[in-house]
């Protein structure tokens, strides 16, 4: 029984990771369509991560993307 619960937990984690990656792709595509320049994605420093590093007009912007997988 414990193995079944572990498999369900892993499946949920993988699904959430895929949803998050898709959200980041959509955010980057939106920014590029608006004329922004994506400098870097998934930049890491120590334990921190920045999802998107972009230049919007004359500003350097650091973005954390949150994606939800449900609607109300």
C-alpha atoms as a PDB file:
ATOM      1  CA  UNK A   1       0.000   0.000   0.000  1.00  0.00           C
ATOM      2  CA  UNK A   2       2.848   2.429   0.798  1.00  0.00           C
ATOM      3  CA  UNK A   3       4.363   1.941  -2.665  1.00  0.00           C
ATOM      4  CA  UNK A   4       1.064   2.964  -4.294  1.00  0.00           C
ATOM      5  CA  UNK A   5       0.946   6.166  -2.214  1.00  0.00           C
ATOM      6  CA  UNK A   6       4.583   6.912  -3.103  1.00  0.00           C
ATOM      7  CA  UNK A   7       3.863   6.478  -6.834  1.00  0.00           C
ATOM      8  CA  UNK A   8       0.867   8.811  -6.609  1.00  0.00           C
ATOM      9  CA  UNK A   9       3.000  11.394  -4.788  1.00  0.00           C
ATOM     10  CA  UNK A  10       5.748  11.204  -7.451  1.00  0.00           C
ATOM     11  CA  UNK A  11       3.184  11.485 -10.251  1.00  0.00           C
ATOM     12  CA  UNK A  12       1.698  14.587  -8.623  1.00  0.00           C
ATOM     13  CA  UNK A  13       5.147  16.184  -8.230  1.00  0.00           C
ATOM     14  CA  UNK A  14       6.044  15.509 -11.875  1.00  0.00           C
ATOM     15  CA  UNK A  15       2.702  16.903 -13.039  1.00  0.00           C
ATOM     16  CA  UNK A  16       3.160  20.062 -10.958  1.00  0.00           C
ATOM     17  CA  UNK A  17       6.666  20.529 -12.373  1.00  0.00           C
ATOM     18  CA  UNK A  18       5.345  20.209 -15.939  1.00  0.00           C
ATOM     19  CA  UNK A  19       2.569  22.719 -15.223  1.00  0.00           C
ATOM     20  CA  UNK A  20       5.142  25.152 -13.796  1.00  0.00           C
ATOM     21  CA  UNK A  21       7.409  24.785 -16.828  1.00  0.00           C
ATOM     22  CA  UNK A  22       4.472  25.392 -19.154  1.00  0.00           C
ATOM     23  CA  UNK A  23       3.547  28.529 -17.209  1.00  0.00           C
ATOM     24  CA  UNK A  24       7.111  29.832 -17.549  1.00  0.00           C
ATOM     25  CA  UNK A  25       7.045  29.127 -21.296  1.00  0.00           C
ATOM     26  CA  UNK A  26       3.771  31.018 -21.658  1.00  0.00           C
ATOM     27  CA  UNK A  27       5.072  33.974 -19.627  1.00  0.00           C
ATOM     28  CA  UNK A  28       8.277  34.163 -21.691  1.00  0.00           C
ATOM     29  CA  UNK A  29       6.315  33.962 -24.956  1.00  0.00           C
ATOM     30  CA  UNK A  30       4.001  36.758 -23.787  1.00  0.00           C
ATOM     31  CA  UNK A  31       6.931  38.990 -22.837  1.00  0.00           C
ATOM     32  CA  UNK A  32       8.660  38.401 -26.187  1.00  0.00           C
ATOM     33  CA  UNK A  33       5.434  39.178 -28.070  1.00  0.00           C
ATOM     34  CA  UNK A  34       5.272  42.456 -26.149  1.00  0.00           C
ATOM     35  CA  UNK A  35       8.792  43.344 -27.299  1.00  0.00           C
ATOM     36  CA  UNK A  36      10.748  42.387 -24.190  1.00  0.00           C
ATOM     37  CA  UNK A  37      14.120  40.677 -24.386  1.00  0.00           C
ATOM     38  CA  UNK A  38      14.554  37.508 -22.338  1.00  0.00           C
ATOM     39  CA  UNK A  39      18.064  37.648 -20.903  1.00  0.00           C
ATOM     40  CA  UNK A  40      18.020  34.359 -19.006  1.00  0.00           C
ATOM     41  CA  UNK A  41      15.632  31.704 -17.701  1.00  0.00           C
ATOM     42  CA  UNK A  42      15.846  29.612 -14.522  1.00  0.00           C
ATOM     43  CA  UNK A  43      18.891  31.472 -13.215  1.00  0.00           C
ATOM     44  CA  UNK A  44      20.199  29.938 -10.000  1.00  0.00           C
ATOM     45  CA  UNK A  45      22.376  31.272  -7.226  1.00  0.00           C
ATOM     46  CA  UNK A  46      22.967  29.044  -4.229  1.00  0.00           C
ATOM     47  CA  UNK A  47      19.441  27.862  -3.297  1.00  0.00           C
ATOM     48  CA  UNK A  48      17.621  30.739  -5.005  1.00  0.00           C
ATOM     49  CA  UNK A  49      16.141  30.675  -8.499  1.00  0.00           C
ATOM     50  CA  UNK A  50      14.773  33.420 -10.738  1.00  0.00           C
ATOM     51  CA  UNK A  51      12.362  32.108 -13.380  1.00  0.00           C
ATOM     52  CA  UNK A  52      12.790  34.854 -15.983  1.00  0.00           C
ATOM     53  CA  UNK A  53      15.327  37.652 -16.252  1.00  0.00           C
ATOM     54  CA  UNK A  54      14.065  40.092 -18.888  1.00  0.00           C
ATOM     55  CA  UNK A  55      14.712  43.552 -20.260  1.00  0.00           C
ATOM     56  CA  UNK A  56      11.449  45.469 -20.539  1.00  0.00           C
ATOM     57  CA  UNK A  57      11.972  48.830 -22.191  1.00  0.00           C
ATOM     58  CA  UNK A  58      14.964  50.198 -20.246  1.00  0.00           C
ATOM     59  CA  UNK A  59      14.408  48.126 -17.103  1.00  0.00           C
ATOM     60  CA  UNK A  60      16.017  44.859 -16.028  1.00  0.00           C
ATOM     61  CA  UNK A  61      13.201  42.803 -14.495  1.00  0.00           C
ATOM     62  CA  UNK A  62      13.366  39.599 -12.433  1.00  0.00           C
ATOM     63  CA  UNK A  63      10.193  37.507 -12.584  1.00  0.00           C
ATOM     64  CA  UNK A  64       8.863  34.672 -10.465  1.00  0.00           C
ATOM     65  CA  UNK A  65       6.115  32.847 -12.373  1.00  0.00           C
ATOM     66  CA  UNK A  66       3.286  31.115 -10.528  1.00  0.00           C
ATOM     67  CA  UNK A  67       0.959  28.828 -12.452  1.00  0.00           C
ATOM     68  CA  UNK A  68      -2.262  27.384 -11.158  1.00  0.00           C
ATOM     69  CA  UNK A  69      -3.746  24.243 -12.633  1.00  0.00           C
ATOM     70  CA  UNK A  70      -7.363  24.822 -11.683  1.00  0.00           C
ATOM     71  CA  UNK A  71     -10.133  27.336 -12.113  1.00  0.00           C
ATOM     72  CA  UNK A  72     -12.827  28.420  -9.672  1.00  0.00           C
END
